[in-house]
């Protein structure tokens, strides 16, 4: 975690990298495809992710997001924005063919 002072205000930057988040999601969700993009100009505070996992089969969107959030529970304490798209392998395949 990185700390930065701006006008006497302590800003906490997560310091997490795209690769770190990606590997954690692959391992935690047995994901077959993960894309992570740091949208925060490198401070690690804002990420956009696409996660493809068979663990999402039969689960509603909210349940999928909760699974992802549980894998990143500690990281989300300092990441201030995290956008996720969660797909099953079949949904991913259909999206690639479109």
Protein backbone atom coordinates (compact mmCIF):
# COMPACT_ATOMS: atom_id res chain seq x y z
CA UNK A 1 0.00 0.00 0.00
CA UNK A 2 1.28 3.45 -0.87
CA UNK A 3 0.53 6.67 0.97
CA UNK A 4 0.50 10.13 -0.55
CA UNK A 5 -0.21 13.45 1.11
CA UNK A 6 -2.03 16.10 -0.88
CA UNK A 7 -2.88 19.37 0.86
CA UNK A 8 -2.50 17.63 4.23
CA UNK A 9 -4.94 14.88 3.23
CA UNK A 10 -3.70 11.32 3.36
CA UNK A 11 -4.47 9.48 0.14
CA UNK A 12 -4.15 5.70 0.20
CA UNK A 13 -3.22 4.05 -3.08
CA UNK A 14 -3.68 0.31 -3.23
CA UNK A 15 -0.48 -0.41 -5.15
CA UNK A 16 -2.02 -3.51 -6.73
CA UNK A 17 -1.07 -4.31 -10.30
CA UNK A 18 -3.16 -5.69 -13.16
CA UNK A 19 -1.11 -8.88 -13.06
CA UNK A 20 -1.59 -9.34 -9.30
CA UNK A 21 -5.39 -8.98 -9.57
CA UNK A 22 -5.48 -11.25 -12.64
CA UNK A 23 -3.51 -14.05 -10.97
CA UNK A 24 -5.60 -13.85 -7.81
CA UNK A 25 -8.83 -14.16 -9.83
CA UNK A 26 -7.49 -17.05 -11.92
CA UNK A 27 -6.50 -18.99 -8.82
CA UNK A 28 -9.50 -18.10 -6.67
CA UNK A 29 -12.15 -18.76 -9.32
CA UNK A 30 -10.36 -21.35 -11.44
CA UNK A 31 -11.01 -18.88 -14.24
CA UNK A 32 -10.21 -19.85 -17.79
CA UNK A 33 -9.91 -16.26 -18.96
CA UNK A 34 -9.29 -13.01 -17.06
CA UNK A 35 -8.63 -9.52 -18.38
CA UNK A 36 -7.74 -6.75 -15.92
CA UNK A 37 -7.12 -3.14 -16.87
CA UNK A 38 -5.81 -0.51 -14.45
CA UNK A 39 -7.94 2.55 -15.13
CA UNK A 40 -6.21 4.71 -12.50
CA UNK A 41 -3.03 5.73 -14.32
CA UNK A 42 -0.97 3.19 -12.40
CA UNK A 43 -1.85 3.92 -8.77
CA UNK A 44 -3.83 0.69 -8.52
CA UNK A 45 -7.01 2.27 -7.22
CA UNK A 46 -9.40 1.66 -10.13
CA UNK A 47 -9.75 -1.54 -12.14
CA UNK A 48 -11.93 -2.94 -14.90
CA UNK A 49 -12.10 -6.75 -15.12
CA UNK A 50 -13.58 -9.47 -17.33
CA UNK A 51 -13.72 -12.87 -15.63
CA UNK A 52 -14.72 -16.14 -17.32
CA UNK A 53 -15.28 -19.07 -14.97
CA UNK A 54 -17.34 -22.26 -14.85
CA UNK A 55 -18.05 -21.34 -11.21
CA UNK A 56 -20.53 -18.78 -12.55
CA UNK A 57 -22.72 -21.48 -14.14
CA UNK A 58 -26.31 -21.23 -12.88
CA UNK A 59 -25.59 -18.15 -10.76
CA UNK A 60 -27.30 -14.79 -11.03
CA UNK A 61 -25.23 -11.68 -11.73
CA UNK A 62 -25.20 -10.58 -8.08
CA UNK A 63 -23.99 -14.02 -6.93
CA UNK A 64 -21.21 -13.93 -9.53
CA UNK A 65 -20.08 -10.51 -8.39
CA UNK A 66 -20.12 -11.64 -4.77
CA UNK A 67 -17.84 -14.55 -5.71
CA UNK A 68 -15.37 -12.18 -7.35
CA UNK A 69 -15.58 -9.77 -4.42
CA UNK A 70 -14.91 -12.60 -1.96
CA UNK A 71 -11.70 -13.50 -3.81
CA UNK A 72 -10.58 -9.86 -3.69
CA UNK A 73 -11.91 -9.12 -0.21
CA UNK A 74 -8.68 -7.68 1.19
CA UNK A 75 -7.76 -5.81 -1.99
CA UNK A 76 -11.18 -4.14 -2.25
CA UNK A 77 -10.55 -2.45 1.09
CA UNK A 78 -8.12 -0.08 -0.67
CA UNK A 79 -9.26 -0.26 -4.31
CA UNK A 80 -11.80 2.55 -4.66
CA UNK A 81 -13.40 1.44 -7.95
CA UNK A 82 -13.76 -2.06 -9.37
CA UNK A 83 -15.91 -2.80 -12.42
CA UNK A 84 -16.47 -6.42 -13.38
CA UNK A 85 -18.02 -8.41 -16.19
CA UNK A 86 -18.59 -12.03 -15.22
CA UNK A 87 -19.24 -14.67 -17.87
CA UNK A 88 -19.58 -18.42 -18.06
CA UNK A 89 -17.34 -20.20 -20.60
CA UNK A 90 -20.34 -20.61 -22.92
CA UNK A 91 -21.22 -16.91 -22.71
CA UNK A 92 -17.60 -16.02 -23.42
CA UNK A 93 -17.54 -18.35 -26.43
CA UNK A 94 -20.74 -16.79 -27.82
CA UNK A 95 -19.36 -13.30 -27.30
CA UNK A 96 -16.15 -14.19 -29.18
CA UNK A 97 -18.13 -15.55 -32.13
CA UNK A 98 -20.33 -12.44 -32.40
